[in-house]
N, C-alpha and C. Protein backbone atom coordinates (compact mmCIF):
# COMPACT_ATOMS: atom_id res chain seq x y z
N MET A 1 -12.30 -7.88 -15.99
CA MET A 1 -12.75 -7.55 -14.66
C MET A 1 -14.16 -6.96 -14.77
N SER A 2 -15.00 -7.26 -13.82
CA SER A 2 -16.37 -6.75 -13.87
C SER A 2 -16.40 -5.25 -13.60
N THR A 3 -17.44 -4.61 -14.10
CA THR A 3 -17.59 -3.17 -13.95
C THR A 3 -17.68 -2.77 -12.48
N GLY A 4 -18.41 -3.56 -11.68
CA GLY A 4 -18.53 -3.27 -10.25
C GLY A 4 -17.19 -3.32 -9.55
N MET A 5 -16.37 -4.29 -9.89
CA MET A 5 -15.05 -4.43 -9.27
C MET A 5 -14.15 -3.27 -9.69
N GLU A 6 -14.22 -2.88 -10.95
CA GLU A 6 -13.41 -1.75 -11.42
C GLU A 6 -13.78 -0.47 -10.68
N LYS A 7 -15.07 -0.24 -10.49
CA LYS A 7 -15.52 0.95 -9.77
C LYS A 7 -15.04 0.92 -8.32
N THR A 8 -15.10 -0.24 -7.71
CA THR A 8 -14.65 -0.38 -6.32
C THR A 8 -13.16 -0.09 -6.20
N LEU A 9 -12.36 -0.68 -7.08
CA LEU A 9 -10.92 -0.46 -7.04
C LEU A 9 -10.56 0.99 -7.34
N THR A 10 -11.28 1.60 -8.26
CA THR A 10 -11.05 3.02 -8.58
C THR A 10 -11.34 3.88 -7.36
N GLN A 11 -12.41 3.58 -6.65
CA GLN A 11 -12.77 4.34 -5.45
C GLN A 11 -11.72 4.17 -4.36
N ILE A 12 -11.21 2.95 -4.18
CA ILE A 12 -10.15 2.70 -3.18
C ILE A 12 -8.91 3.52 -3.52
N VAL A 13 -8.52 3.52 -4.79
CA VAL A 13 -7.33 4.28 -5.22
C VAL A 13 -7.54 5.77 -4.97
N GLU A 14 -8.70 6.29 -5.29
CA GLU A 14 -8.97 7.72 -5.09
C GLU A 14 -8.91 8.09 -3.61
N GLU A 15 -9.43 7.25 -2.74
CA GLU A 15 -9.38 7.51 -1.30
C GLU A 15 -7.94 7.45 -0.79
N LEU A 16 -7.16 6.51 -1.29
CA LEU A 16 -5.76 6.41 -0.86
C LEU A 16 -4.95 7.60 -1.35
N LYS A 17 -5.27 8.13 -2.53
CA LYS A 17 -4.58 9.33 -3.02
C LYS A 17 -4.85 10.51 -2.10
N ALA A 18 -6.01 10.53 -1.46
CA ALA A 18 -6.37 11.60 -0.54
C ALA A 18 -5.78 11.36 0.85
N GLN A 19 -4.91 10.34 0.98
CA GLN A 19 -4.21 10.03 2.23
C GLN A 19 -5.13 9.54 3.34
N THR A 20 -6.22 8.91 2.98
CA THR A 20 -7.09 8.33 3.99
C THR A 20 -6.98 6.82 3.94
N SER A 21 -7.40 6.17 5.00
CA SER A 21 -7.41 4.72 4.97
C SER A 21 -8.76 4.26 4.45
N VAL A 22 -8.79 3.06 3.90
CA VAL A 22 -10.01 2.50 3.35
C VAL A 22 -10.25 1.15 4.01
N THR A 23 -11.41 1.01 4.65
CA THR A 23 -11.77 -0.24 5.30
C THR A 23 -12.89 -0.91 4.52
N VAL A 24 -12.68 -2.17 4.15
CA VAL A 24 -13.70 -2.98 3.51
C VAL A 24 -14.14 -4.00 4.55
N LYS A 25 -15.34 -3.82 5.06
CA LYS A 25 -15.83 -4.65 6.16
C LYS A 25 -15.77 -6.13 5.78
N GLY A 26 -15.21 -6.92 6.69
CA GLY A 26 -15.08 -8.35 6.46
C GLY A 26 -13.89 -8.73 5.59
N PHE A 27 -13.13 -7.75 5.11
CA PHE A 27 -11.98 -8.02 4.24
C PHE A 27 -10.70 -7.47 4.83
N GLY A 28 -10.64 -6.15 5.08
CA GLY A 28 -9.44 -5.57 5.65
C GLY A 28 -9.35 -4.08 5.43
N THR A 29 -8.18 -3.52 5.79
CA THR A 29 -7.97 -2.08 5.70
C THR A 29 -6.72 -1.78 4.87
N PHE A 30 -6.87 -0.85 3.92
CA PHE A 30 -5.76 -0.36 3.11
C PHE A 30 -5.34 0.99 3.68
N THR A 31 -4.03 1.20 3.84
CA THR A 31 -3.51 2.48 4.30
C THR A 31 -2.28 2.85 3.47
N VAL A 32 -1.96 4.15 3.46
CA VAL A 32 -0.76 4.63 2.76
C VAL A 32 0.32 4.85 3.81
N LYS A 33 1.50 4.27 3.58
CA LYS A 33 2.64 4.43 4.49
C LYS A 33 3.74 5.19 3.76
N GLU A 34 4.40 6.07 4.49
CA GLU A 34 5.50 6.86 3.95
C GLU A 34 6.82 6.14 4.27
N VAL A 35 7.63 5.90 3.25
CA VAL A 35 8.95 5.30 3.43
C VAL A 35 9.97 6.43 3.29
N LYS A 36 10.79 6.64 4.31
CA LYS A 36 11.74 7.75 4.31
C LYS A 36 12.91 7.49 3.36
N ALA A 37 13.50 8.57 2.87
CA ALA A 37 14.70 8.48 2.04
C ALA A 37 15.84 7.91 2.89
N ARG A 38 16.73 7.16 2.26
CA ARG A 38 17.86 6.59 3.00
C ARG A 38 19.03 6.33 2.06
N THR A 39 20.17 6.09 2.66
CA THR A 39 21.38 5.80 1.90
C THR A 39 21.50 4.29 1.74
N ARG A 40 21.77 3.86 0.51
CA ARG A 40 21.94 2.44 0.22
C ARG A 40 23.29 2.25 -0.44
N ARG A 41 23.68 1.02 -0.65
CA ARG A 41 24.97 0.72 -1.29
C ARG A 41 24.74 0.02 -2.62
N ASN A 42 25.51 0.44 -3.62
CA ASN A 42 25.50 -0.22 -4.91
C ASN A 42 26.27 -1.54 -4.72
N PRO A 43 25.65 -2.70 -4.95
CA PRO A 43 26.34 -3.97 -4.70
C PRO A 43 27.56 -4.21 -5.59
N LYS A 44 27.59 -3.63 -6.77
CA LYS A 44 28.74 -3.83 -7.67
C LYS A 44 29.94 -3.00 -7.25
N THR A 45 29.69 -1.72 -6.92
CA THR A 45 30.81 -0.82 -6.65
C THR A 45 31.00 -0.51 -5.17
N GLY A 46 29.97 -0.74 -4.37
CA GLY A 46 30.05 -0.40 -2.95
C GLY A 46 29.83 1.08 -2.68
N ALA A 47 29.57 1.84 -3.73
CA ALA A 47 29.36 3.28 -3.57
C ALA A 47 28.02 3.57 -2.90
N ALA A 48 28.00 4.62 -2.10
CA ALA A 48 26.76 5.03 -1.44
C ALA A 48 25.84 5.71 -2.45
N VAL A 49 24.57 5.35 -2.40
CA VAL A 49 23.57 5.92 -3.30
C VAL A 49 22.39 6.38 -2.46
N GLN A 50 21.91 7.59 -2.72
CA GLN A 50 20.76 8.10 -1.97
C GLN A 50 19.48 7.58 -2.62
N ALA A 51 18.71 6.79 -1.88
CA ALA A 51 17.42 6.28 -2.36
C ALA A 51 16.33 7.24 -1.90
N PRO A 52 15.51 7.72 -2.80
CA PRO A 52 14.46 8.69 -2.42
C PRO A 52 13.35 8.02 -1.60
N GLY A 53 12.64 8.83 -0.85
CA GLY A 53 11.49 8.33 -0.12
C GLY A 53 10.34 8.07 -1.08
N PHE A 54 9.38 7.28 -0.65
CA PHE A 54 8.22 6.99 -1.49
C PHE A 54 7.05 6.57 -0.61
N LYS A 55 5.91 6.44 -1.22
CA LYS A 55 4.71 5.99 -0.51
C LYS A 55 4.39 4.58 -0.96
N LYS A 56 3.86 3.78 -0.03
CA LYS A 56 3.45 2.43 -0.39
C LYS A 56 2.11 2.14 0.27
N VAL A 57 1.40 1.18 -0.30
CA VAL A 57 0.11 0.79 0.23
C VAL A 57 0.31 -0.43 1.11
N ALA A 58 -0.24 -0.36 2.32
CA ALA A 58 -0.20 -1.48 3.25
C ALA A 58 -1.62 -2.03 3.39
N PHE A 59 -1.73 -3.33 3.61
CA PHE A 59 -3.03 -3.98 3.79
C PHE A 59 -2.99 -4.82 5.05
N LYS A 60 -4.02 -4.67 5.87
CA LYS A 60 -4.15 -5.48 7.06
C LYS A 60 -5.48 -6.22 6.98
N MET A 61 -5.41 -7.55 6.99
CA MET A 61 -6.61 -8.37 6.91
C MET A 61 -7.48 -8.20 8.15
N SER A 62 -8.79 -8.29 7.94
CA SER A 62 -9.69 -8.27 9.09
C SER A 62 -9.61 -9.62 9.80
N LYS A 63 -10.01 -9.63 11.04
CA LYS A 63 -9.96 -10.86 11.83
C LYS A 63 -10.84 -11.95 11.21
N SER A 64 -12.03 -11.57 10.74
CA SER A 64 -12.94 -12.57 10.16
C SER A 64 -12.37 -13.16 8.86
N PHE A 65 -11.71 -12.34 8.06
CA PHE A 65 -11.10 -12.84 6.81
C PHE A 65 -9.94 -13.77 7.13
N ARG A 66 -9.11 -13.40 8.09
CA ARG A 66 -7.98 -14.22 8.50
C ARG A 66 -8.45 -15.58 9.00
N GLU A 67 -9.51 -15.60 9.78
CA GLU A 67 -10.05 -16.86 10.31
C GLU A 67 -10.64 -17.74 9.22
N THR A 68 -11.15 -17.12 8.15
CA THR A 68 -11.71 -17.87 7.04
C THR A 68 -10.62 -18.63 6.29
N LEU A 69 -9.44 -18.03 6.19
CA LEU A 69 -8.33 -18.68 5.50
C LEU A 69 -7.79 -19.78 6.35
């Protein structure tokens, strides 16, 4: 990967760690979403298992990028 791309990705990650959204003009917006803890079922035993909450990164394409595809 090129040095410029690595720096860009590192900056995006640092901004997302600070809980801010990152917009790349002409490309899209990265945001951090919180997924709440919930109860799930073990498929083998049917037992209830508590799944912890976590954070995930969401991406929304810009209109111009979507139209290009």
